[in-house]
C-alpha atoms as a PDB file:
ATOM      1  CA  MET A   1      13.982   4.289  -0.047  1.00  0.00           C
ATOM      2  CA  ALA A   2      13.906   0.788   1.460  1.00  0.00           C
ATOM      3  CA  TRP A   3      10.313   0.355   0.329  1.00  0.00           C
ATOM      4  CA  ILE A   4      11.260   1.232  -3.242  1.00  0.00           C
ATOM      5  CA  TRP A   5      14.052  -1.355  -3.228  1.00  0.00           C
ATOM      6  CA  LEU A   6      11.643  -3.890  -1.783  1.00  0.00           C
ATOM      7  CA  VAL A   7       9.070  -3.283  -4.517  1.00  0.00           C
ATOM      8  CA  PHE A   8      11.761  -3.650  -7.202  1.00  0.00           C
ATOM      9  CA  ALA A   9      12.918  -6.860  -5.519  1.00  0.00           C
ATOM     10  CA  GLY A  10       9.354  -8.160  -5.628  1.00  0.00           C
ATOM     11  CA  VAL A  11       8.966  -7.276  -9.297  1.00  0.00           C
ATOM     12  CA  LEU A  12      12.217  -9.081 -10.061  1.00  0.00           C
ATOM     13  CA  GLU A  13      10.837 -12.102  -8.220  1.00  0.00           C
ATOM     14  CA  ILE A  14       7.932 -12.131 -10.682  1.00  0.00           C
ATOM     15  CA  VAL A  15      10.388 -11.890 -13.580  1.00  0.00           C
ATOM     16  CA  TRP A  16      12.536 -14.762 -12.381  1.00  0.00           C
ATOM     17  CA  ALA A  17       9.500 -16.953 -11.697  1.00  0.00           C
ATOM     18  CA  PHE A  18       8.224 -16.355 -15.235  1.00  0.00           C
ATOM     19  CA  PHE A  19      11.591 -17.074 -16.820  1.00  0.00           C
ATOM     20  CA  MET A  20      12.070 -20.149 -14.673  1.00  0.00           C
ATOM     21  CA  LYS A  21       8.846 -21.473 -16.219  1.00  0.00           C
ATOM     22  CA  GLN A  22      10.185 -20.539 -19.664  1.00  0.00           C
ATOM     23  CA  SER A  23      13.481 -22.346 -18.973  1.00  0.00           C
ATOM     24  CA  HIS A  24      11.697 -25.720 -18.954  1.00  0.00           C
ATOM     25  CA  GLY A  25      13.632 -27.012 -15.959  1.00  0.00           C
ATOM     26  CA  PHE A  26      16.795 -25.078 -16.824  1.00  0.00           C
ATOM     27  CA  THR A  27      17.086 -26.862 -20.169  1.00  0.00           C
ATOM     28  CA  ARG A  28      16.893 -23.625 -22.229  1.00  0.00           C
ATOM     29  CA  LEU A  29      19.955 -21.389 -21.930  1.00  0.00           C
ATOM     30  CA  VAL A  30      18.646 -17.814 -22.289  1.00  0.00           C
ATOM     31  CA  PRO A  31      15.649 -18.156 -19.953  1.00  0.00           C
ATOM     32  CA  SER A  32      17.910 -19.961 -17.459  1.00  0.00           C
ATOM     33  CA  ILE A  33      20.420 -17.095 -17.503  1.00  0.00           C
ATOM     34  CA  VAL A  34      17.649 -14.500 -17.099  1.00  0.00           C
ATOM     35  CA  THR A  35      16.227 -16.540 -14.199  1.00  0.00           C
ATOM     36  CA  ILE A  36      19.523 -16.675 -12.340  1.00  0.00           C
ATOM     37  CA  ALA A  37      20.429 -13.026 -13.016  1.00  0.00           C
ATOM     38  CA  THR A  38      17.060 -11.684 -11.855  1.00  0.00           C
ATOM     39  CA  MET A  39      17.076 -14.050  -8.881  1.00  0.00           C
ATOM     40  CA  VAL A  40      20.419 -12.670  -7.721  1.00  0.00           C
ATOM     41  CA  ALA A  41      19.263  -9.082  -8.280  1.00  0.00           C
ATOM     42  CA  SER A  42      16.011  -9.740  -6.415  1.00  0.00           C
ATOM     43  CA  PHE A  43      17.850 -11.204  -3.423  1.00  0.00           C
ATOM     44  CA  ALA A  44      20.320  -8.318  -3.454  1.00  0.00           C
ATOM     45  CA  LEU A  45      17.568  -5.696  -3.407  1.00  0.00           C
ATOM     46  CA  LEU A  46      15.727  -7.601  -0.679  1.00  0.00           C
ATOM     47  CA  SER A  47      18.934  -7.559   1.324  1.00  0.00           C
ATOM     48  CA  VAL A  48      19.333  -3.807   0.840  1.00  0.00           C
ATOM     49  CA  SER A  49      15.758  -3.184   1.953  1.00  0.00           C
ATOM     50  CA  MET A  50      16.324  -5.292   5.073  1.00  0.00           C
ATOM     51  CA  ARG A  51      18.926  -2.824   6.288  1.00  0.00           C
ATOM     52  CA  SER A  52      16.091  -0.667   7.591  1.00  0.00           C
ATOM     53  CA  LEU A  53      12.934  -2.780   7.357  1.00  0.00           C
ATOM     54  CA  PRO A  54      12.081  -5.569   9.799  1.00  0.00           C
ATOM     55  CA  LEU A  55      12.775  -9.092   8.532  1.00  0.00           C
ATOM     56  CA  GLY A  56       9.173 -10.243   8.822  1.00  0.00           C
ATOM     57  CA  THR A  57       7.801  -7.233   7.008  1.00  0.00           C
ATOM     58  CA  ALA A  58      10.361  -7.225   4.194  1.00  0.00           C
ATOM     59  CA  TYR A  59      10.177 -10.956   3.545  1.00  0.00           C
ATOM     60  CA  THR A  60       6.378 -11.064   3.685  1.00  0.00           C
ATOM     61  CA  ILE A  61       5.996  -8.152   1.266  1.00  0.00           C
ATOM     62  CA  TRP A  62       8.635  -9.574  -1.087  1.00  0.00           C
ATOM     63  CA  THR A  63       7.062 -13.023  -1.257  1.00  0.00           C
ATOM     64  CA  GLY A  64       3.575 -11.552  -1.501  1.00  0.00           C
ATOM     65  CA  ILE A  65       4.467  -9.351  -4.451  1.00  0.00           C
ATOM     66  CA  GLY A  66       6.066 -12.361  -6.099  1.00  0.00           C
ATOM     67  CA  ALA A  67       3.150 -14.695  -5.395  1.00  0.00           C
ATOM     68  CA  VAL A  68       0.397 -12.367  -6.550  1.00  0.00           C
ATOM     69  CA  GLY A  69       2.462 -11.084  -9.455  1.00  0.00           C
ATOM     70  CA  ALA A  70       3.276 -14.605 -10.628  1.00  0.00           C
ATOM     71  CA  PHE A  71      -0.418 -15.493 -10.348  1.00  0.00           C
ATOM     72  CA  LEU A  72      -1.346 -12.484 -12.509  1.00  0.00           C
ATOM     73  CA  VAL A  73       1.350 -13.265 -15.090  1.00  0.00           C
ATOM     74  CA  GLY A  74       0.150 -16.852 -15.163  1.00  0.00           C
ATOM     75  CA  VAL A  75      -3.416 -15.771 -15.819  1.00  0.00           C
ATOM     76  CA  PHE A  76      -2.823 -12.913 -18.256  1.00  0.00           C
ATOM     77  CA  VAL A  77       0.317 -14.059 -20.075  1.00  0.00           C
ATOM     78  CA  LEU A  78       0.276 -17.850 -19.833  1.00  0.00           C
ATOM     79  CA  GLY A  79      -3.490 -18.365 -19.956  1.00  0.00           C
ATOM     80  CA  GLU A  80      -3.713 -20.185 -16.637  1.00  0.00           C
ATOM     81  CA  PRO A  81      -7.167 -20.495 -15.029  1.00  0.00           C
ATOM     82  CA  ALA A  82      -8.518 -17.714 -12.830  1.00  0.00           C
ATOM     83  CA  ASN A  83     -11.262 -19.524 -10.971  1.00  0.00           C
ATOM     84  CA  PRO A  84     -13.008 -17.877  -8.002  1.00  0.00           C
ATOM     85  CA  MET A  85     -10.982 -19.760  -5.379  1.00  0.00           C
ATOM     86  CA  ARG A  86      -7.662 -18.630  -6.884  1.00  0.00           C
ATOM     87  CA  ILE A  87      -8.882 -15.038  -7.104  1.00  0.00           C
ATOM     88  CA  VAL A  88     -10.005 -15.085  -3.456  1.00  0.00           C
ATOM     89  CA  ALA A  89      -6.593 -16.472  -2.488  1.00  0.00           C
ATOM     90  CA  ALA A  90      -4.803 -13.656  -4.343  1.00  0.00           C
ATOM     91  CA  VAL A  91      -7.060 -11.021  -2.773  1.00  0.00           C
ATOM     92  CA  THR A  92      -6.370 -12.534   0.650  1.00  0.00           C
ATOM     93  CA  ILE A  93      -2.623 -12.266   0.058  1.00  0.00           C
ATOM     94  CA  VAL A  94      -2.951  -8.632  -1.036  1.00  0.00           C
ATOM     95  CA  SER A  95      -5.048  -7.908   2.074  1.00  0.00           C
ATOM     96  CA  GLY A  96      -2.296  -9.373   4.222  1.00  0.00           C
ATOM     97  CA  LEU A  97       0.320  -7.266   2.463  1.00  0.00           C
ATOM     98  CA  VAL A  98      -1.676  -4.112   3.070  1.00  0.00           C
ATOM     99  CA  MET A  99      -2.061  -4.983   6.754  1.00  0.00           C
ATOM    100  CA  MET A 100       1.665  -5.747   7.025  1.00  0.00           C
ATOM    101  CA  LYS A 101       2.526  -2.360   5.480  1.00  0.00           C
ATOM    102  CA  LEU A 102       0.088  -0.521   7.733  1.00  0.00           C
ATOM    103  CA  SER A 103       1.536  -2.204  10.816  1.00  0.00           C
ATOM    104  CA  SER A 104       5.124  -1.169   9.992  1.00  0.00           C
END
């Protein structure tokens, strides 16, 4: 169950990163509220997952899901560039996440 909470926490990290971008530096009310609410929920679920998962594993997976997810949202939703170097970086992060999961 801890892994499920951790994945949800990671997905919420993607959501809050996207809405933080949409808040334009916390100058727009609704995106700012969504950012803060999903940030709190993401941290709470990370905390729940850490009850049974090691700190290093949980935190690495959480940040990795957020980093790669935010990259994908940036490319597919916001039209940010997906040059070869950025794609290799994302694949490298995913490789690290897989190794971290396999080592747990």
